Amino acid sequence: MSIAQKQHCPSCEEQRTFMQVATTNLNVGEKTKWRCQECGYRAVRIGSAVDTVTA
């Protein structure tokens, strides 16, 4: 089952639905990969330290 989340997409420049495509546990936190359903923009989050959606 996929997890969906509304986020601002830097590529589309508006709110879009991002689907979770992968999750991995690291020593610095959980690494989660997301993909925009509209344009395919990919983002990565690692715990609360790294978030490429807002980068």
Protein backbone atom coordinates (compact mmCIF):
# COMPACT_ATOMS: atom_id res chain seq x y z
CA MET A 1 0.00 0.00 0.00
CA SER A 2 1.41 3.38 -1.01
CA ILE A 3 1.42 6.41 1.22
CA ALA A 4 0.40 9.74 -0.31
CA GLN A 5 1.18 13.19 1.03
CA LYS A 6 0.36 16.70 -0.20
CA GLN A 7 3.50 18.83 -0.59
CA HIS A 8 4.64 21.86 -2.52
CA CYS A 9 6.42 20.59 -5.64
CA PRO A 10 9.39 22.79 -6.64
CA SER A 11 9.10 21.61 -10.24
CA CYS A 12 5.34 22.17 -10.64
CA GLU A 13 5.44 25.22 -8.33
CA GLU A 14 2.17 24.25 -6.62
CA GLN A 15 0.67 21.76 -4.18
CA ARG A 16 0.83 18.21 -5.53
CA THR A 17 0.39 14.68 -4.27
CA PHE A 18 3.65 12.90 -3.55
CA MET A 19 3.71 9.11 -3.32
CA GLN A 20 6.14 7.32 -1.03
CA VAL A 21 8.30 5.09 -3.21
CA ALA A 22 10.86 3.71 -0.71
CA THR A 23 11.79 3.70 2.97
CA THR A 24 15.07 2.68 4.60
CA ASN A 25 16.17 2.88 8.23
CA LEU A 26 19.54 4.57 8.71
CA ASN A 27 21.52 5.37 11.84
CA VAL A 28 20.56 9.06 11.42
CA GLY A 29 16.85 8.38 10.95
CA GLU A 30 14.39 6.99 8.49
CA LYS A 31 15.15 7.75 4.82
CA THR A 32 12.00 8.17 2.78
CA LYS A 33 11.83 8.75 -0.97
CA TRP A 34 8.85 10.59 -2.47
CA ARG A 35 7.74 11.19 -6.07
CA CYS A 36 5.38 13.84 -7.45
CA GLN A 37 2.45 12.21 -9.22
CA GLU A 38 2.23 14.99 -11.82
CA CYS A 39 5.80 15.61 -12.98
CA GLY A 40 7.87 12.81 -11.45
CA TYR A 41 10.00 15.13 -9.27
CA ARG A 42 11.75 13.02 -6.65
CA ALA A 43 12.49 14.09 -3.10
CA VAL A 44 14.27 12.51 -0.14
CA ARG A 45 13.73 12.96 3.58
CA ILE A 46 16.13 11.64 6.20
CA GLY A 47 14.64 11.97 9.66
CA SER A 48 14.14 15.64 10.41
CA ALA A 49 17.66 16.60 9.30
CA VAL A 50 17.38 16.45 5.49
CA ASP A 51 14.39 17.34 3.31
CA THR A 52 14.97 17.88 -0.41
CA VAL A 53 11.36 18.91 -0.99
CA THR A 54 12.02 22.18 0.80
CA ALA A 55 15.65 22.52 -0.32
